[in-house]
């Protein structure tokens, strides 16, 4: 079982990767992106939330590459797991709202309203 300090380090590391990804395209940095994605399966809710925030920021860095990954993950997620992806969408909306405009009629509004 991971200690609280291990989870704090994971959370902070994931958030840093996300901030970096918001500024720099990480589409060629699969190991970094994989670390963030792995955070979604953590048993720690703070690590999951950090993964949600970080992946949203990574999407902002290269939406053409990463948005399709997000929607694939949403489609494969159970209902209670979709909450994490709503937080991811929130980060995209905060930093690059026009990026999601094309997806609003493709089920995104249904997902958001189901989580509201």
Protein backbone atom coordinates (compact mmCIF):
# COMPACT_ATOMS: atom_id res chain seq x y z
CA UNK A 1 0.00 0.00 0.00
CA UNK A 2 1.34 3.43 -0.96
CA UNK A 3 2.01 5.93 1.79
CA UNK A 4 0.43 9.36 1.86
CA UNK A 5 3.77 10.94 0.94
CA UNK A 6 4.05 8.61 -2.09
CA UNK A 7 0.59 9.65 -3.23
CA UNK A 8 1.42 13.32 -2.67
CA UNK A 9 4.55 12.94 -4.77
CA UNK A 10 2.57 11.19 -7.52
CA UNK A 11 -0.10 13.87 -7.44
CA UNK A 12 2.43 16.69 -7.64
CA UNK A 13 4.42 14.98 -10.38
CA UNK A 14 1.30 14.36 -12.44
CA UNK A 15 0.19 17.98 -12.04
CA UNK A 16 3.63 19.21 -13.15
CA UNK A 17 3.51 17.02 -16.25
CA UNK A 18 0.09 18.48 -17.04
CA UNK A 19 1.27 22.05 -16.70
CA UNK A 20 4.23 21.29 -18.92
CA UNK A 21 1.91 19.62 -21.43
CA UNK A 22 -0.32 22.68 -21.55
CA UNK A 23 2.66 24.71 -22.76
CA UNK A 24 4.58 22.10 -24.76
CA UNK A 25 3.10 19.48 -27.11
CA UNK A 26 3.57 16.08 -25.45
CA UNK A 27 2.31 13.99 -28.36
CA UNK A 28 5.88 12.71 -28.91
CA UNK A 29 6.40 12.07 -25.18
CA UNK A 30 4.33 8.93 -24.67
CA UNK A 31 6.04 7.90 -21.39
CA UNK A 32 5.03 11.19 -19.74
CA UNK A 33 1.46 10.97 -21.01
CA UNK A 34 1.27 7.33 -19.89
CA UNK A 35 2.24 8.38 -16.35
CA UNK A 36 -0.71 10.77 -16.30
CA UNK A 37 -3.11 8.19 -17.75
CA UNK A 38 -1.95 5.65 -15.16
CA UNK A 39 -3.09 8.11 -12.48
CA UNK A 40 -6.72 7.52 -13.49
CA UNK A 41 -6.48 3.98 -12.11
CA UNK A 42 -4.98 5.00 -8.76
CA UNK A 43 -6.76 4.03 -5.56
CA UNK A 44 -6.13 7.54 -4.25
CA UNK A 45 -8.81 10.09 -5.19
CA UNK A 46 -6.32 12.99 -5.15
CA UNK A 47 -4.09 11.21 -7.65
CA UNK A 48 -7.14 10.53 -9.86
CA UNK A 49 -8.13 14.18 -9.67
CA UNK A 50 -4.57 15.24 -10.52
CA UNK A 51 -4.66 12.92 -13.55
CA UNK A 52 -7.93 14.52 -14.64
CA UNK A 53 -6.52 18.01 -14.38
CA UNK A 54 -3.21 17.09 -15.97
CA UNK A 55 -4.76 15.27 -18.92
CA UNK A 56 -6.98 18.28 -19.58
CA UNK A 57 -3.90 20.47 -19.68
CA UNK A 58 -2.10 18.02 -21.98
CA UNK A 59 -5.09 18.16 -24.33
CA UNK A 60 -4.81 21.95 -24.43
CA UNK A 61 -1.20 21.54 -25.57
CA UNK A 62 -2.25 19.51 -28.63
CA UNK A 63 -6.01 19.05 -28.89
CA UNK A 64 -5.88 17.56 -32.38
CA UNK A 65 -3.85 14.65 -31.05
CA UNK A 66 -5.28 14.08 -27.56
CA UNK A 67 -9.02 14.83 -27.82
CA UNK A 68 -9.69 11.56 -29.59
CA UNK A 69 -7.92 9.75 -26.73
CA UNK A 70 -10.18 11.49 -24.23
CA UNK A 71 -13.36 10.50 -26.04
CA UNK A 72 -12.14 6.91 -26.37
CA UNK A 73 -11.51 6.83 -22.63
CA UNK A 74 -14.94 8.31 -21.90
CA UNK A 75 -16.68 5.70 -24.05
CA UNK A 76 -14.86 2.89 -22.23
CA UNK A 77 -15.46 4.25 -18.74
CA UNK A 78 -18.10 3.08 -16.30
CA UNK A 79 -20.55 5.73 -15.13
CA UNK A 80 -18.74 6.52 -11.89
CA UNK A 81 -15.40 6.78 -13.72
CA UNK A 82 -16.79 9.41 -16.07
CA UNK A 83 -16.62 11.95 -13.25
CA UNK A 84 -12.85 12.03 -13.71
CA UNK A 85 -13.24 12.87 -17.38
CA UNK A 86 -15.69 15.67 -16.65
CA UNK A 87 -12.87 17.30 -14.66
CA UNK A 88 -10.60 16.78 -17.67
CA UNK A 89 -13.14 18.53 -19.88
CA UNK A 90 -13.35 21.37 -17.35
CA UNK A 91 -9.63 21.99 -17.73
CA UNK A 92 -9.97 22.17 -21.51
CA UNK A 93 -12.91 24.55 -21.20
CA UNK A 94 -10.93 26.79 -18.81
CA UNK A 95 -7.87 27.04 -21.03
CA UNK A 96 -9.12 26.49 -24.59
CA UNK A 97 -12.93 26.62 -24.73
CA UNK A 98 -13.19 26.78 -28.51
CA UNK A 99 -11.45 23.43 -28.82
CA UNK A 100 -14.56 21.60 -27.61
CA UNK A 101 -17.11 23.51 -29.68
CA UNK A 102 -17.18 20.87 -32.42
CA UNK A 103 -17.88 18.14 -29.86
CA UNK A 104 -20.83 19.76 -28.11
CA UNK A 105 -23.31 18.13 -30.47
CA UNK A 106 -21.55 14.75 -30.40
CA UNK A 107 -22.66 13.57 -26.99
CA UNK A 108 -20.52 15.86 -24.89
CA UNK A 109 -23.50 17.83 -23.61
CA UNK A 110 -25.23 14.57 -22.68
CA UNK A 111 -22.19 13.48 -20.67
CA UNK A 112 -21.91 16.83 -18.92
CA UNK A 113 -25.61 17.02 -18.08
CA UNK A 114 -25.60 13.44 -16.76
CA UNK A 115 -22.85 14.41 -14.30
CA UNK A 116 -24.44 17.69 -13.21
